[in-house]
Amino acid sequence: MGEPFENSEAWKSARMLTNLVYEQCRRGTLAKDFGLRDQLQRAAVSVMNNIAEGWESLHAAEKRQAYNIARRSCGEVRSMSYVLIDNHFITEAEQGELLTLCVQSGKLISGLIRSLGDR
């Protein structure tokens, strides 16, 4: 058996992203915008869970599919960060932190996809 997904840098980065999203969603007016808050939290959790799902899969095609979903969810969180900043739910510094973690997670997920090669 290989390394557990919890040791994966991609999963650790996604966990940090998810924790940051949850922290931001507990504060201020965002806590009361249930639709946006729930969508944002679901997207962040999707990044984490799809990395774990892909990691645990035995089939390369399933791994690739799960990692691609994780990467798309990263993009969703990144896109929603602009809704957050445009509507004054978070500061520019907070958006910067969110964007940095989205980009970092996305790059690490891309590395997982590349590691599959043509399998």
Protein backbone atom coordinates (compact mmCIF):
# COMPACT_ATOMS: atom_id res chain seq x y z
CA MET A 1 0.00 0.00 0.00
CA GLY A 2 1.32 3.47 -0.88
CA GLU A 3 1.37 6.68 1.07
CA PRO A 4 -1.97 7.80 2.55
CA PHE A 5 -3.63 10.76 0.85
CA GLU A 6 -3.17 12.75 4.07
CA ASN A 7 0.57 12.89 3.26
CA SER A 8 -0.07 14.36 -0.19
CA GLU A 9 0.99 18.01 -0.54
CA ALA A 10 -2.03 18.57 -2.81
CA TRP A 11 -4.45 17.30 -0.16
CA LYS A 12 -2.71 19.32 2.59
CA SER A 13 -2.99 22.47 0.46
CA ALA A 14 -6.67 21.75 -0.26
CA ARG A 15 -7.25 21.27 3.46
CA MET A 16 -5.72 24.70 4.16
CA LEU A 17 -7.93 26.18 1.42
CA THR A 18 -11.03 24.55 2.92
CA ASN A 19 -10.17 25.77 6.42
CA LEU A 20 -9.65 29.32 5.13
CA VAL A 21 -13.02 29.22 3.31
CA TYR A 22 -14.80 27.99 6.44
CA GLU A 23 -13.09 30.66 8.54
CA GLN A 24 -14.18 33.39 6.12
CA CYS A 25 -17.73 31.99 5.93
CA ARG A 26 -18.18 32.24 9.71
CA ARG A 27 -17.65 36.01 9.74
CA GLY A 28 -19.71 39.06 8.93
CA THR A 29 -22.39 39.25 6.30
CA LEU A 30 -21.06 36.22 4.41
CA ALA A 31 -22.22 34.05 7.33
CA LYS A 32 -25.76 35.19 6.55
CA ASP A 33 -25.61 34.73 2.76
CA PHE A 34 -26.55 31.06 2.92
CA GLY A 35 -26.55 30.37 -0.82
CA LEU A 36 -23.12 31.84 -1.53
CA ARG A 37 -21.63 30.51 1.69
CA ASP A 38 -22.88 26.96 1.06
CA GLN A 39 -21.72 26.96 -2.59
CA LEU A 40 -18.28 28.21 -1.55
CA GLN A 41 -17.94 25.63 1.21
CA ARG A 42 -19.11 22.79 -1.05
CA ALA A 43 -16.59 23.78 -3.75
CA ALA A 44 -13.71 23.92 -1.25
CA VAL A 45 -14.63 20.57 0.30
CA SER A 46 -14.88 19.13 -3.22
CA VAL A 47 -11.23 19.99 -3.84
CA MET A 48 -10.16 18.06 -0.73
CA ASN A 49 -12.48 15.11 -1.23
CA ASN A 50 -11.75 14.61 -4.90
CA ILE A 51 -8.02 14.54 -4.25
CA ALA A 52 -8.64 11.85 -1.61
CA GLU A 53 -10.98 9.96 -3.93
CA GLY A 54 -8.50 10.03 -6.80
CA TRP A 55 -5.63 9.06 -4.53
CA GLU A 56 -7.54 6.02 -3.24
CA SER A 57 -8.66 4.84 -6.68
CA LEU A 58 -6.85 1.90 -8.24
CA HIS A 59 -7.63 2.91 -11.83
CA ALA A 60 -5.76 5.69 -13.64
CA ALA A 61 -8.86 6.90 -15.51
CA GLU A 62 -10.78 7.27 -12.23
CA LYS A 63 -7.81 9.02 -10.61
CA ARG A 64 -7.61 11.45 -13.54
CA GLN A 65 -11.35 12.15 -13.41
CA ALA A 66 -11.33 12.84 -9.65
CA TYR A 67 -8.23 15.07 -9.93
CA ASN A 68 -9.85 17.00 -12.80
CA ILE A 69 -12.97 17.57 -10.68
CA ALA A 70 -10.74 18.78 -7.82
CA ARG A 71 -9.00 21.18 -10.19
CA ARG A 72 -12.30 22.50 -11.54
CA SER A 73 -13.55 23.02 -7.97
CA CYS A 74 -10.39 25.07 -7.31
CA GLY A 75 -11.38 27.25 -10.23
CA GLU A 76 -14.88 27.57 -8.80
CA VAL A 77 -13.53 28.79 -5.44
CA ARG A 78 -11.21 31.18 -7.28
CA SER A 79 -14.09 32.57 -9.32
CA MET A 80 -16.30 32.98 -6.25
CA SER A 81 -13.51 34.93 -4.54
CA TYR A 82 -14.34 37.74 -6.97
CA VAL A 83 -17.99 37.66 -5.89
CA LEU A 84 -16.74 37.93 -2.30
CA ILE A 85 -14.48 40.91 -2.99
CA ASP A 86 -16.94 42.67 -5.32
CA ASN A 87 -19.64 42.47 -2.67
CA HIS A 88 -17.36 43.47 0.22
CA PHE A 89 -17.60 40.13 2.07
CA ILE A 90 -13.78 39.94 2.34
CA THR A 91 -10.84 42.36 2.08
CA GLU A 92 -8.34 42.46 -0.79
CA ALA A 93 -5.76 40.84 1.50
CA GLU A 94 -8.18 38.03 2.34
CA GLN A 95 -8.96 37.49 -1.32
CA GLY A 96 -5.22 37.41 -2.02
CA GLU A 97 -4.77 34.66 0.54
CA LEU A 98 -7.68 32.72 -0.98
CA LEU A 99 -6.32 33.14 -4.53
CA THR A 100 -2.83 32.07 -3.45
CA LEU A 101 -4.16 28.85 -1.92
CA CYS A 102 -6.37 28.18 -4.97
CA VAL A 103 -3.43 28.58 -7.34
CA GLN A 104 -1.11 26.52 -5.12
CA SER A 105 -3.69 23.73 -4.82
CA GLY A 106 -4.38 23.83 -8.55
CA LYS A 107 -0.69 23.48 -9.39
CA LEU A 108 -0.29 20.55 -7.00
CA ILE A 109 -3.36 18.85 -8.49
CA SER A 110 -1.95 19.41 -11.98
CA GLY A 111 1.18 17.65 -10.77
CA LEU A 112 -0.92 14.66 -9.67
CA ILE A 113 -2.56 14.60 -13.11
CA ARG A 114 0.85 14.81 -14.85
CA SER A 115 2.18 11.99 -12.65
CA LEU A 116 -0.40 9.69 -14.22
CA GLY A 117 1.29 10.15 -17.60
CA ASP A 118 -0.60 8.48 -20.41
CA ARG A 119 -1.96 5.71 -18.20
